[in-house]
Amino acid sequence: MIVAQYAGLSSAAFGAIGTTILFFSSYALQPLEGGIFGSDDLTEYNNRIRAKNLNRLRRQKIGFAFLCVSFIVQAIACFL
């Protein structure tokens, strides 16, 4: 029974961490400016936005992975 309790606690911890990460890296990506044509400054600005969007997507994937681990651990705890 103690193993199931530890699994439940670790599942809750993974779930809380994953939810927090997803909350702070929301699903809305920042849009690019200027359409197709633009100056060098605009291109540099869009490159910075692309880098920020990639970091945001990476954090979203990490948060979702924590949530998936939480569900897997909880499923294992149900069968212990």
C-alpha atoms as a PDB file:
ATOM      1  CA  MET A   1       0.000   0.000   0.000  1.00  0.00           C
ATOM      2  CA  ILE A   2       2.881   2.371   0.716  1.00  0.00           C
ATOM      3  CA  VAL A   3       4.139   2.077  -2.884  1.00  0.00           C
ATOM      4  CA  ALA A   4       0.729   3.109  -4.199  1.00  0.00           C
ATOM      5  CA  GLN A   5       0.736   6.145  -1.911  1.00  0.00           C
ATOM      6  CA  TYR A   6       4.192   7.186  -3.126  1.00  0.00           C
ATOM      7  CA  ALA A   7       3.066   6.725  -6.715  1.00  0.00           C
ATOM      8  CA  GLY A   8       0.012   8.889  -6.046  1.00  0.00           C
ATOM      9  CA  LEU A   9       2.127  11.629  -4.486  1.00  0.00           C
ATOM     10  CA  SER A  10       4.644  11.562  -7.317  1.00  0.00           C
ATOM     11  CA  SER A  11       1.787  11.644  -9.825  1.00  0.00           C
ATOM     12  CA  ALA A  12       0.373  14.735  -8.133  1.00  0.00           C
ATOM     13  CA  ALA A  13       3.806  16.379  -8.146  1.00  0.00           C
ATOM     14  CA  PHE A  14       4.376  15.643 -11.835  1.00  0.00           C
ATOM     15  CA  GLY A  15       0.889  16.926 -12.620  1.00  0.00           C
ATOM     16  CA  ALA A  16       1.414  20.152 -10.668  1.00  0.00           C
ATOM     17  CA  ILE A  17       4.768  20.808 -12.324  1.00  0.00           C
ATOM     18  CA  GLY A  18       3.399  20.090 -15.804  1.00  0.00           C
ATOM     19  CA  THR A  19       0.360  22.296 -15.258  1.00  0.00           C
ATOM     20  CA  THR A  20       2.520  25.148 -13.980  1.00  0.00           C
ATOM     21  CA  ILE A  21       4.866  24.921 -16.960  1.00  0.00           C
ATOM     22  CA  LEU A  22       1.929  24.881 -19.389  1.00  0.00           C
ATOM     23  CA  PHE A  23       0.302  27.818 -17.593  1.00  0.00           C
ATOM     24  CA  PHE A  24       3.391  30.020 -17.838  1.00  0.00           C
ATOM     25  CA  SER A  25       4.092  29.063 -21.463  1.00  0.00           C
ATOM     26  CA  SER A  26       0.604  29.592 -22.794  1.00  0.00           C
ATOM     27  CA  TYR A  27      -0.564  28.134 -26.098  1.00  0.00           C
ATOM     28  CA  ALA A  28      -0.677  31.502 -27.884  1.00  0.00           C
ATOM     29  CA  LEU A  29       2.390  32.069 -30.036  1.00  0.00           C
ATOM     30  CA  GLN A  30       3.527  35.585 -30.865  1.00  0.00           C
ATOM     31  CA  PRO A  31       2.695  36.527 -34.483  1.00  0.00           C
ATOM     32  CA  LEU A  32       5.309  37.676 -36.990  1.00  0.00           C
ATOM     33  CA  GLU A  33       5.256  41.235 -38.292  1.00  0.00           C
ATOM     34  CA  GLY A  34       5.444  42.689 -41.789  1.00  0.00           C
ATOM     35  CA  GLY A  35       4.053  39.944 -43.991  1.00  0.00           C
ATOM     36  CA  ILE A  36       6.445  38.846 -46.733  1.00  0.00           C
ATOM     37  CA  PHE A  37       8.479  41.998 -47.437  1.00  0.00           C
ATOM     38  CA  GLY A  38      10.396  43.956 -44.849  1.00  0.00           C
ATOM     39  CA  SER A  39      13.624  45.680 -43.968  1.00  0.00           C
ATOM     40  CA  ASP A  40      16.626  44.105 -42.305  1.00  0.00           C
ATOM     41  CA  ASP A  41      15.436  45.378 -38.919  1.00  0.00           C
ATOM     42  CA  LEU A  42      12.085  43.701 -39.435  1.00  0.00           C
ATOM     43  CA  THR A  43      13.769  40.451 -40.450  1.00  0.00           C
ATOM     44  CA  GLU A  44      15.923  40.566 -37.328  1.00  0.00           C
ATOM     45  CA  TYR A  45      12.832  41.257 -35.208  1.00  0.00           C
ATOM     46  CA  ASN A  46      10.994  38.309 -36.795  1.00  0.00           C
ATOM     47  CA  ASN A  47      13.991  36.058 -36.129  1.00  0.00           C
ATOM     48  CA  ARG A  48      13.846  37.012 -32.439  1.00  0.00           C
ATOM     49  CA  ILE A  49      10.114  36.229 -32.404  1.00  0.00           C
ATOM     50  CA  ARG A  50      10.789  32.850 -34.043  1.00  0.00           C
ATOM     51  CA  ALA A  51      13.382  32.065 -31.355  1.00  0.00           C
ATOM     52  CA  LYS A  52      10.916  33.034 -28.600  1.00  0.00           C
ATOM     53  CA  ASN A  53       8.209  30.901 -30.210  1.00  0.00           C
ATOM     54  CA  LEU A  54      10.549  27.909 -30.417  1.00  0.00           C
ATOM     55  CA  ASN A  55      11.411  28.286 -26.726  1.00  0.00           C
ATOM     56  CA  ARG A  56       7.721  28.539 -25.876  1.00  0.00           C
ATOM     57  CA  LEU A  57       6.960  25.402 -27.902  1.00  0.00           C
ATOM     58  CA  ARG A  58       9.793  23.559 -26.168  1.00  0.00           C
ATOM     59  CA  ARG A  59       8.415  24.503 -22.733  1.00  0.00           C
ATOM     60  CA  GLN A  60       4.934  23.392 -23.809  1.00  0.00           C
ATOM     61  CA  LYS A  61       6.274  19.990 -24.857  1.00  0.00           C
ATOM     62  CA  ILE A  62       8.099  19.625 -21.539  1.00  0.00           C
ATOM     63  CA  GLY A  63       4.966  20.550 -19.597  1.00  0.00           C
ATOM     64  CA  PHE A  64       2.860  18.112 -21.596  1.00  0.00           C
ATOM     65  CA  ALA A  65       5.467  15.387 -21.005  1.00  0.00           C
ATOM     66  CA  PHE A  66       5.214  15.982 -17.239  1.00  0.00           C
ATOM     67  CA  LEU A  67       1.429  15.633 -17.469  1.00  0.00           C
ATOM     68  CA  CYS A  68       1.749  12.389 -19.455  1.00  0.00           C
ATOM     69  CA  VAL A  69       4.174  10.987 -16.877  1.00  0.00           C
ATOM     70  CA  SER A  70       1.691  11.966 -14.182  1.00  0.00           C
ATOM     71  CA  PHE A  71      -1.097   9.994 -15.874  1.00  0.00           C
ATOM     72  CA  ILE A  72       1.148   6.976 -16.440  1.00  0.00           C
ATOM     73  CA  VAL A  73       2.299   6.914 -12.822  1.00  0.00           C
ATOM     74  CA  GLN A  74      -1.302   7.255 -11.633  1.00  0.00           C
ATOM     75  CA  ALA A  75      -2.362   4.362 -13.873  1.00  0.00           C
ATOM     76  CA  ILE A  76       0.429   2.223 -12.417  1.00  0.00           C
ATOM     77  CA  ALA A  77      -0.634   3.210  -8.909  1.00  0.00           C
ATOM     78  CA  CYS A  78      -4.177   1.995  -9.625  1.00  0.00           C
ATOM     79  CA  PHE A  79      -2.902  -1.511 -10.331  1.00  0.00           C
ATOM     80  CA  LEU A  80      -0.563  -1.765  -7.330  1.00  0.00           C
END
